Amino acid sequence: MHSDAPIRIIHGDVKSSNILLDDNFTAKVSDFGIS
């Protein structure tokens, strides 16, 4: 998001509750409400 996205995105609210986990415990960054 900082370097390779079409436009640089700052998440702004990086925290453990915004890191979702799928059935294989793969991390998924979520909640871009204040990005």
PDB file of all heavy atoms in Angstrom:
ATOM      1  N   MET A   1       0.825  -1.211   0.000  1.00  0.00           N
ATOM      2  CA  MET A   1       0.000   0.000   0.000  1.00  0.00           C
ATOM      3  C   MET A   1       0.857   1.258   0.000  1.00  0.00           C
ATOM      4  O   MET A   1       0.511   2.250  -0.641  1.00  0.00           O
ATOM      5  CB  MET A   1      -0.928  -0.012   1.230  1.00  0.00           C
ATOM      6  CG  MET A   1      -1.984  -1.105   1.179  1.00  0.00           C
ATOM      7  SD  MET A   1      -2.777  -1.386   2.781  1.00  0.00           S
ATOM      8  CE  MET A   1      -3.341   0.262   3.159  1.00  0.00           C
ATOM      9  N   HIS A   2       1.992   1.234   0.700  1.00  0.00           N
ATOM     10  CA  HIS A   2       2.863   2.412   0.772  1.00  0.00           C
ATOM     11  C   HIS A   2       3.644   2.638  -0.509  1.00  0.00           C
ATOM     12  O   HIS A   2       3.954   3.793  -0.857  1.00  0.00           O
ATOM     13  CB  HIS A   2       3.848   2.258   1.931  1.00  0.00           C
ATOM     14  CG  HIS A   2       3.204   2.340   3.279  1.00  0.00           C
ATOM     15  ND1 HIS A   2       3.886   2.135   4.459  1.00  0.00           N
ATOM     16  CD2 HIS A   2       1.922   2.593   3.650  1.00  0.00           C
ATOM     17  CE1 HIS A   2       3.075   2.258   5.482  1.00  0.00           C
ATOM     18  NE2 HIS A   2       1.852   2.536   5.014  1.00  0.00           N
ATOM     19  N   SER A   3       3.977   1.567  -1.229  1.00  0.00           N
ATOM     20  CA  SER A   3       4.935   1.706  -2.328  1.00  0.00           C
ATOM     21  C   SER A   3       4.423   1.236  -3.677  1.00  0.00           C
ATOM     22  O   SER A   3       4.774   1.822  -4.709  1.00  0.00           O
ATOM     23  CB  SER A   3       6.218   0.918  -1.998  1.00  0.00           C
ATOM     24  OG  SER A   3       6.727   1.287  -0.735  1.00  0.00           O
ATOM     25  N   ASP A   4       3.594   0.198  -3.743  1.00  0.00           N
ATOM     26  CA  ASP A   4       3.282  -0.433  -5.022  1.00  0.00           C
ATOM     27  C   ASP A   4       1.853  -0.229  -5.482  1.00  0.00           C
ATOM     28  O   ASP A   4       1.515  -0.628  -6.604  1.00  0.00           O
ATOM     29  CB  ASP A   4       3.543  -1.952  -4.913  1.00  0.00           C
ATOM     30  CG  ASP A   4       4.993  -2.238  -4.541  1.00  0.00           C
ATOM     31  OD1 ASP A   4       5.865  -1.455  -4.949  1.00  0.00           O
ATOM     32  OD2 ASP A   4       5.234  -3.244  -3.840  1.00  0.00           O
ATOM     33  N   ALA A   5       0.992   0.355  -4.664  1.00  0.00           N
ATOM     34  CA  ALA A   5      -0.386   0.582  -5.070  1.00  0.00           C
ATOM     35  C   ALA A   5      -0.438   1.685  -6.123  1.00  0.00           C
ATOM     36  O   ALA A   5       0.512   2.479  -6.252  1.00  0.00           O
ATOM     37  CB  ALA A   5      -1.231   0.964  -3.855  1.00  0.00           C
ATOM     38  N   PRO A   6      -1.540   1.744  -6.922  1.00  0.00           N
ATOM     39  CA  PRO A   6      -1.648   2.800  -7.940  1.00  0.00           C
ATOM     40  C   PRO A   6      -1.448   4.195  -7.357  1.00  0.00           C
ATOM     41  O   PRO A   6      -0.845   5.053  -7.995  1.00  0.00           O
ATOM     42  CB  PRO A   6      -3.079   2.613  -8.467  1.00  0.00           C
ATOM     43  CG  PRO A   6      -3.392   1.178  -8.218  1.00  0.00           C
ATOM     44  CD  PRO A   6      -2.687   0.814  -6.954  1.00  0.00           C
ATOM     45  N   ILE A   7      -1.953   4.446  -6.195  1.00  0.00           N
ATOM     46  CA  ILE A   7      -1.692   5.687  -5.452  1.00  0.00           C
ATOM     47  C   ILE A   7      -1.321   5.280  -4.041  1.00  0.00           C
ATOM     48  O   ILE A   7      -1.925   4.384  -3.467  1.00  0.00           O
ATOM     49  CB  ILE A   7      -2.934   6.600  -5.429  1.00  0.00           C
ATOM     50  CG1 ILE A   7      -3.329   6.994  -6.852  1.00  0.00           C
ATOM     51  CG2 ILE A   7      -2.672   7.850  -4.595  1.00  0.00           C
ATOM     52  CD1 ILE A   7      -4.569   7.859  -6.917  1.00  0.00           C
ATOM     53  N   ARG A   8      -0.321   5.917  -3.463  1.00  0.00           N
ATOM     54  CA  ARG A   8       0.157   5.558  -2.132  1.00  0.00           C
ATOM     55  C   ARG A   8      -0.973   5.729  -1.109  1.00  0.00           C
ATOM     56  O   ARG A   8      -1.644   6.767  -1.080  1.00  0.00           O
ATOM     57  CB  ARG A   8       1.355   6.430  -1.753  1.00  0.00           C
ATOM     58  CG  ARG A   8       2.109   5.938  -0.525  1.00  0.00           C
ATOM     59  CD  ARG A   8       3.604   6.269  -0.637  1.00  0.00           C
ATOM     60  NE  ARG A   8       3.825   7.672  -0.880  1.00  0.00           N
ATOM     61  CZ  ARG A   8       4.082   8.572   0.079  1.00  0.00           C
ATOM     62  NH1 ARG A   8       4.188   8.180   1.319  1.00  0.00           N
ATOM     63  NH2 ARG A   8       4.275   9.833  -0.219  1.00  0.00           N
ATOM     64  N   ILE A   9      -1.151   4.693  -0.281  1.00  0.00           N
ATOM     65  CA  ILE A   9      -2.225   4.688   0.715  1.00  0.00           C
ATOM     66  C   ILE A   9      -1.613   4.544   2.098  1.00  0.00           C
ATOM     67  O   ILE A   9      -0.777   3.681   2.332  1.00  0.00           O
ATOM     68  CB  ILE A   9      -3.198   3.516   0.476  1.00  0.00           C
ATOM     69  CG1 ILE A   9      -3.779   3.574  -0.930  1.00  0.00           C
ATOM     70  CG2 ILE A   9      -4.318   3.520   1.507  1.00  0.00           C
ATOM     71  CD1 ILE A   9      -4.600   2.364  -1.291  1.00  0.00           C
ATOM     72  N   ILE A  10      -2.040   5.429   2.998  1.00  0.00           N
ATOM     73  CA  ILE A  10      -1.671   5.309   4.407  1.00  0.00           C
ATOM     74  C   ILE A  10      -2.896   4.780   5.145  1.00  0.00           C
ATOM     75  O   ILE A  10      -3.973   5.364   5.079  1.00  0.00           O
ATOM     76  CB  ILE A  10      -1.230   6.661   4.997  1.00  0.00           C
ATOM     77  CG1 ILE A  10       0.002   7.190   4.243  1.00  0.00           C
ATOM     78  CG2 ILE A  10      -0.932   6.521   6.486  1.00  0.00           C
ATOM     79  CD1 ILE A  10       0.422   8.569   4.678  1.00  0.00           C
ATOM     80  N   HIS A  11      -2.723   3.644   5.819  1.00  0.00           N
ATOM     81  CA  HIS A  11      -3.867   3.010   6.477  1.00  0.00           C
ATOM     82  C   HIS A  11      -4.411   3.876   7.597  1.00  0.00           C
ATOM     83  O   HIS A  11      -5.610   4.137   7.675  1.00  0.00           O
ATOM     84  CB  HIS A  11      -3.458   1.631   7.020  1.00  0.00           C
ATOM     85  CG  HIS A  11      -4.602   0.816   7.529  1.00  0.00           C
ATOM     86  ND1 HIS A  11      -5.207   1.047   8.749  1.00  0.00           N
ATOM     87  CD2 HIS A  11      -5.264  -0.236   6.981  1.00  0.00           C
ATOM     88  CE1 HIS A  11      -6.180   0.193   8.927  1.00  0.00           C
ATOM     89  NE2 HIS A  11      -6.240  -0.621   7.863  1.00  0.00           N
ATOM     90  N   GLY A  12      -3.575   4.334   8.501  1.00  0.00           N
ATOM     91  CA  GLY A  12      -3.972   5.260   9.548  1.00  0.00           C
ATOM     92  C   GLY A  12      -4.509   4.628  10.808  1.00  0.00           C
ATOM     93  O   GLY A  12      -4.669   5.322  11.821  1.00  0.00           O
ATOM     94  N   ASP A  13      -4.836   3.338  10.796  1.00  0.00           N
ATOM     95  CA  ASP A  13      -5.378   2.701  11.992  1.00  0.00           C
ATOM     96  C   ASP A  13      -4.919   1.242  12.049  1.00  0.00           C
ATOM     97  O   ASP A  13      -5.729   0.313  12.132  1.00  0.00           O
ATOM     98  CB  ASP A  13      -6.908   2.779  11.993  1.00  0.00           C
ATOM     99  CG  ASP A  13      -7.506   2.424  13.352  1.00  0.00           C
ATOM    100  OD1 ASP A  13      -6.780   2.538  14.364  1.00  0.00           O
ATOM    101  OD2 ASP A  13      -8.686   2.046  13.399  1.00  0.00           O
ATOM    102  N   VAL A  14      -3.588   1.051  11.994  1.00  0.00           N
ATOM    103  CA  VAL A  14      -3.017  -0.297  12.030  1.00  0.00           C
ATOM    104  C   VAL A  14      -3.093  -0.820  13.465  1.00  0.00           C
ATOM    105  O   VAL A  14      -2.498  -0.253  14.376  1.00  0.00           O
ATOM    106  CB  VAL A  14      -1.559  -0.302  11.532  1.00  0.00           C
ATOM    107  CG1 VAL A  14      -0.965  -1.695  11.646  1.00  0.00           C
ATOM    108  CG2 VAL A  14      -1.489   0.193  10.100  1.00  0.00           C
ATOM    109  N   LYS A  15      -3.855  -1.903  13.665  1.00  0.00           N
ATOM    110  CA  LYS A  15      -3.991  -2.521  14.980  1.00  0.00           C
ATOM    111  C   LYS A  15      -4.381  -3.974  14.796  1.00  0.00           C
ATOM    112  O   LYS A  15      -4.813  -4.392  13.713  1.00  0.00           O
ATOM    113  CB  LYS A  15      -5.035  -1.789  15.820  1.00  0.00           C
ATOM    114  CG  LYS A  15      -6.408  -1.707  15.185  1.00  0.00           C
ATOM    115  CD  LYS A  15      -7.358  -0.896  16.060  1.00  0.00           C
ATOM    116  CE  LYS A  15      -8.734  -0.764  15.400  1.00  0.00           C
ATOM    117  NZ  LYS A  15      -9.674   0.025  16.221  1.00  0.00           N
ATOM    118  N   SER A  16      -4.245  -4.771  15.854  1.00  0.00           N
ATOM    119  CA  SER A  16      -4.472  -6.214  15.744  1.00  0.00           C
ATOM    120  C   SER A  16      -5.927  -6.547  15.409  1.00  0.00           C
ATOM    121  O   SER A  16      -6.198  -7.560  14.765  1.00  0.00           O
ATOM    122  CB  SER A  16      -4.064  -6.922  17.036  1.00  0.00           C
ATOM    123  OG  SER A  16      -4.776  -6.390  18.146  1.00  0.00           O
ATOM    124  N   SER A  17      -6.877  -5.714  15.821  1.00  0.00           N
ATOM    125  CA  SER A  17      -8.277  -6.003  15.498  1.00  0.00           C
ATOM    126  C   SER A  17      -8.607  -5.699  14.047  1.00  0.00           C
ATOM    127  O   SER A  17      -9.679  -6.079  13.563  1.00  0.00           O
ATOM    128  CB  SER A  17      -9.213  -5.208  16.417  1.00  0.00           C
ATOM    129  OG  SER A  17      -8.970  -3.825  16.297  1.00  0.00           O
ATOM    130  N   ASN A  18      -7.711  -5.015  13.330  1.00  0.00           N
ATOM    131  CA  ASN A  18      -7.902  -4.766  11.900  1.00  0.00           C
ATOM    132  C   ASN A  18      -7.117  -5.756  11.043  1.00  0.00           C
ATOM    133  O   ASN A  18      -7.024  -5.588   9.823  1.00  0.00           O
ATOM    134  CB  ASN A  18      -7.498  -3.336  11.530  1.00  0.00           C
ATOM    135  CG  ASN A  18      -8.558  -2.329  11.943  1.00  0.00           C
ATOM    136  OD1 ASN A  18      -9.703  -2.693  12.173  1.00  0.00           O
ATOM    137  ND2 ASN A  18      -8.186  -1.063  12.049  1.00  0.00           N
ATOM    138  N   ILE A  19      -6.542  -6.773  11.676  1.00  0.00           N
ATOM    139  CA  ILE A  19      -5.868  -7.853  10.942  1.00  0.00           C
ATOM    140  C   ILE A  19      -6.783  -9.073  11.042  1.00  0.00           C
ATOM    141  O   ILE A  19      -6.821  -9.752  12.061  1.00  0.00           O
ATOM    142  CB  ILE A  19      -4.474  -8.174  11.525  1.00  0.00           C
ATOM    143  CG1 ILE A  19      -3.640  -6.901  11.672  1.00  0.00           C
ATOM    144  CG2 ILE A  19      -3.769  -9.206  10.651  1.00  0.00           C
ATOM    145  CD1 ILE A  19      -3.400  -6.155  10.388  1.00  0.00           C
ATOM    146  N   LEU A  20      -7.560  -9.319   9.991  1.00  0.00           N
ATOM    147  CA  LEU A  20      -8.469 -10.461   9.986  1.00  0.00           C
ATOM    148  C   LEU A  20      -7.713 -11.728   9.605  1.00  0.00           C
ATOM    149  O   LEU A  20      -6.681 -11.672   8.931  1.00  0.00           O
ATOM    150  CB  LEU A  20      -9.616 -10.226   9.001  1.00  0.00           C
ATOM    151  CG  LEU A  20     -10.452  -8.965   9.224  1.00  0.00           C
ATOM    152  CD1 LEU A  20     -11.595  -8.900   8.220  1.00  0.00           C
ATOM    153  CD2 LEU A  20     -10.993  -8.907  10.640  1.00  0.00           C
ATOM    154  N   LEU A  21      -8.232 -12.881  10.045  1.00  0.00           N
ATOM    155  CA  LEU A  21      -7.593 -14.168   9.773  1.00  0.00           C
ATOM    156  C   LEU A  21      -8.600 -15.089   9.100  1.00  0.00           C
ATOM    157  O   LEU A  21      -9.739 -15.216   9.554  1.00  0.00           O
ATOM    158  CB  LEU A  21      -7.103 -14.816  11.077  1.00  0.00           C
ATOM    159  CG  LEU A  21      -6.101 -14.004  11.906  1.00  0.00           C
ATOM    160  CD1 LEU A  21      -5.797 -14.722  13.208  1.00  0.00           C
ATOM    161  CD2 LEU A  21      -4.818 -13.771  11.125  1.00  0.00           C
ATOM    162  N   ASP A  22      -8.162 -15.742   8.006  1.00  0.00           N
ATOM    163  CA  ASP A  22      -9.052 -16.706   7.362  1.00  0.00           C
ATOM    164  C   ASP A  22      -8.903 -18.075   8.032  1.00  0.00           C
ATOM    165  O   ASP A  22      -8.233 -18.205   9.067  1.00  0.00           O
ATOM    166  CB  ASP A  22      -8.809 -16.765   5.851  1.00  0.00           C
ATOM    167  CG  ASP A  22      -7.443 -17.339   5.485  1.00  0.00           C
ATOM    168  OD1 ASP A  22      -6.729 -17.847   6.394  1.00  0.00           O
ATOM    169  OD2 ASP A  22      -7.069 -17.273   4.313  1.00  0.00           O
ATOM    170  N   ASP A  23      -9.491 -19.086   7.455  1.00  0.00           N
ATOM    171  CA  ASP A  23      -9.478 -20.414   8.078  1.00  0.00           C
ATOM    172  C   ASP A  23      -8.077 -20.991   8.217  1.00  0.00           C
ATOM    173  O   ASP A  23      -7.836 -21.857   9.054  1.00  0.00           O
ATOM    174  CB  ASP A  23     -10.347 -21.381   7.269  1.00  0.00           C
ATOM    175  CG  ASP A  23     -11.816 -20.997   7.341  1.00  0.00           C
ATOM    176  OD1 ASP A  23     -12.190 -20.320   8.313  1.00  0.00           O
ATOM    177  OD2 ASP A  23     -12.572 -21.353   6.431  1.00  0.00           O
ATOM    178  N   ASN A  24      -7.133 -20.511   7.400  1.00  0.00           N
ATOM    179  CA  ASN A  24      -5.750 -21.000   7.456  1.00  0.00           C
ATOM    180  C   ASN A  24      -4.841 -20.042   8.229  1.00  0.00           C
ATOM    181  O   ASN A  24      -3.619 -20.135   8.121  1.00  0.00           O
ATOM    182  CB  ASN A  24      -5.210 -21.199   6.034  1.00  0.00           C
ATOM    183  CG  ASN A  24      -5.978 -22.250   5.275  1.00  0.00           C
ATOM    184  OD1 ASN A  24      -6.324 -23.283   5.836  1.00  0.00           O
ATOM    185  ND2 ASN A  24      -6.277 -21.986   4.010  1.00  0.00           N
ATOM    186  N   PHE A  25      -5.450 -19.084   8.954  1.00  0.00           N
ATOM    187  CA  PHE A  25      -4.721 -18.064   9.705  1.00  0.00           C
ATOM    188  C   PHE A  25      -3.854 -17.196   8.778  1.00  0.00           C
ATOM    189  O   PHE A  25      -2.780 -16.741   9.176  1.00  0.00           O
ATOM    190  CB  PHE A  25      -3.865 -18.693  10.806  1.00  0.00           C
ATOM    191  CG  PHE A  25      -4.666 -19.318  11.903  1.00  0.00           C
ATOM    192  CD1 PHE A  25      -4.869 -20.687  11.946  1.00  0.00           C
ATOM    193  CD2 PHE A  25      -5.257 -18.540  12.885  1.00  0.00           C
ATOM    194  CE1 PHE A  25      -5.627 -21.275  12.938  1.00  0.00           C
ATOM    195  CE2 PHE A  25      -6.014 -19.112  13.885  1.00  0.00           C
ATOM    196  CZ  PHE A  25      -6.200 -20.476  13.917  1.00  0.00           C
ATOM    197  N   THR A  26      -4.331 -16.975   7.565  1.00  0.00           N
ATOM    198  CA  THR A  26      -3.672 -16.025   6.662  1.00  0.00           C
ATOM    199  C   THR A  26      -4.156 -14.631   7.005  1.00  0.00           C
ATOM    200  O   THR A  26      -5.358 -14.402   7.165  1.00  0.00           O
ATOM    201  CB  THR A  26      -4.004 -16.361   5.198  1.00  0.00           C
ATOM    202  OG1 THR A  26      -3.535 -17.673   4.909  1.00  0.00           O
ATOM    203  CG2 THR A  26      -3.344 -15.375   4.253  1.00  0.00           C
ATOM    204  N   ALA A  27      -3.217 -13.682   7.112  1.00  0.00           N
ATOM    205  CA  ALA A  27      -3.562 -12.322   7.522  1.00  0.00           C
ATOM    206  C   ALA A  27      -4.228 -11.563   6.387  1.00  0.00           C
ATOM    207  O   ALA A  27      -3.854 -11.699   5.220  1.00  0.00           O
ATOM    208  CB  ALA A  27      -2.310 -11.586   7.983  1.00  0.00           C
ATOM    209  N   LYS A  28      -5.251 -10.755   6.741  1.00  0.00           N
ATOM    210  CA  LYS A  28      -5.959  -9.905   5.789  1.00  0.00           C
ATOM    211  C   LYS A  28      -6.122  -8.524   6.434  1.00  0.00           C
ATOM    212  O   LYS A  28      -6.877  -8.364   7.394  1.00  0.00           O
ATOM    213  CB  LYS A  28      -7.332 -10.492   5.469  1.00  0.00           C
ATOM    214  CG  LYS A  28      -7.306 -11.881   4.831  1.00  0.00           C
ATOM    215  CD  LYS A  28      -7.132 -11.787   3.335  1.00  0.00           C
ATOM    216  CE  LYS A  28      -7.311 -13.145   2.675  1.00  0.00           C
ATOM    217  NZ  LYS A  28      -7.238 -13.076   1.216  1.00  0.00           N
ATOM    218  N   VAL A  29      -5.399  -7.520   5.904  1.00  0.00           N
ATOM    219  CA  VAL A  29      -5.494  -6.155   6.441  1.00  0.00           C
ATOM    220  C   VAL A  29      -6.845  -5.579   6.034  1.00  0.00           C
ATOM    221  O   VAL A  29      -7.247  -5.658   4.862  1.00  0.00           O
ATOM    222  CB  VAL A  29      -4.352  -5.282   5.914  1.00  0.00           C
ATOM    223  CG1 VAL A  29      -4.491  -3.854   6.446  1.00  0.00           C
ATOM    224  CG2 VAL A  29      -3.007  -5.863   6.329  1.00  0.00           C
ATOM    225  N   SER A  30      -7.557  -4.991   7.013  1.00  0.00           N
ATOM    226  CA  SER A  30      -8.915  -4.502   6.745  1.00  0.00           C
ATOM    227  C   SER A  30      -9.117  -3.123   7.350  1.00  0.00           C
ATOM    228  O   SER A  30      -8.218  -2.555   7.981  1.00  0.00           O
ATOM    229  CB  SER A  30      -9.938  -5.480   7.334  1.00  0.00           C
ATOM    230  OG  SER A  30      -9.885  -5.441   8.748  1.00  0.00           O
ATOM    231  N   ASP A  31     -10.328  -2.593   7.147  1.00  0.00           N
ATOM    232  CA  ASP A  31     -10.822  -1.340   7.737  1.00  0.00           C
ATOM    233  C   ASP A  31      -9.991  -0.137   7.286  1.00  0.00           C
ATOM    234  O   ASP A  31      -9.091   0.335   7.998  1.00  0.00           O
ATOM    235  CB  ASP A  31     -10.844  -1.438   9.261  1.00  0.00           C
ATOM    236  CG  ASP A  31     -11.756  -0.369   9.861  1.00  0.00           C
ATOM    237  OD1 ASP A  31     -12.129   0.565   9.124  1.00  0.00           O
ATOM    238  OD2 ASP A  31     -12.098  -0.485  11.047  1.00  0.00           O
ATOM    239  N   PHE A  32     -10.356   0.380   6.128  1.00  0.00           N
ATOM    240  CA  PHE A  32      -9.679   1.558   5.573  1.00  0.00           C
ATOM    241  C   PHE A  32     -10.532   2.804   5.739  1.00  0.00           C
ATOM    242  O   PHE A  32     -10.506   3.715   4.909  1.00  0.00           O
ATOM    243  CB  PHE A  32      -9.379   1.318   4.088  1.00  0.00           C
ATOM    244  CG  PHE A  32      -8.450   0.154   3.844  1.00  0.00           C
ATOM    245  CD1 PHE A  32      -8.945  -1.129   3.678  1.00  0.00           C
ATOM    246  CD2 PHE A  32      -7.080   0.343   3.817  1.00  0.00           C
ATOM    247  CE1 PHE A  32      -8.103  -2.203   3.462  1.00  0.00           C
ATOM    248  CE2 PHE A  32      -6.231  -0.732   3.604  1.00  0.00           C
ATOM    249  CZ  PHE A  32      -6.739  -2.000   3.425  1.00  0.00           C
ATOM    250  N   GLY A  33     -11.317   2.818   6.837  1.00  0.00           N
ATOM    251  CA  GLY A  33     -12.244   3.919   7.046  1.00  0.00           C
ATOM    252  C   GLY A  33     -11.577   5.275   7.162  1.00  0.00           C
ATOM    253  O   GLY A  33     -12.136   6.288   6.734  1.00  0.00           O
ATOM    254  N   ILE A  34     -10.389   5.327   7.762  1.00  0.00           N
ATOM    255  CA  ILE A  34      -9.724   6.637   7.905  1.00  0.00           C
ATOM    256  C   ILE A  34      -8.436   6.684   7.086  1.00  0.00           C
ATOM    257  O   ILE A  34      -7.569   7.523   7.325  1.00  0.00           O
ATOM    258  CB  ILE A  34      -9.430   6.934   9.392  1.00  0.00           C
ATOM    259  CG1 ILE A  34      -8.476   5.891   9.986  1.00  0.00           C
ATOM    260  CG2 ILE A  34     -10.708   6.995  10.201  1.00  0.00           C
ATOM    261  CD1 ILE A  34      -8.023   6.237  11.394  1.00  0.00           C
ATOM    262  N   SER A  35      -8.316   5.764   6.134  1.00  0.00           N
ATOM    263  CA  SER A  35      -7.117   5.755   5.287  1.00  0.00           C
ATOM    264  C   SER A  35      -7.063   7.021   4.438  1.00  0.00           C
ATOM    265  O   SER A  35      -8.083   7.659   4.152  1.00  0.00           O
ATOM    266  CB  SER A  35      -7.126   4.516   4.385  1.00  0.00           C
ATOM    267  OG  SER A  35      -7.145   3.341   5.160  1.00  0.00           O
TER     268      SER A  35
END
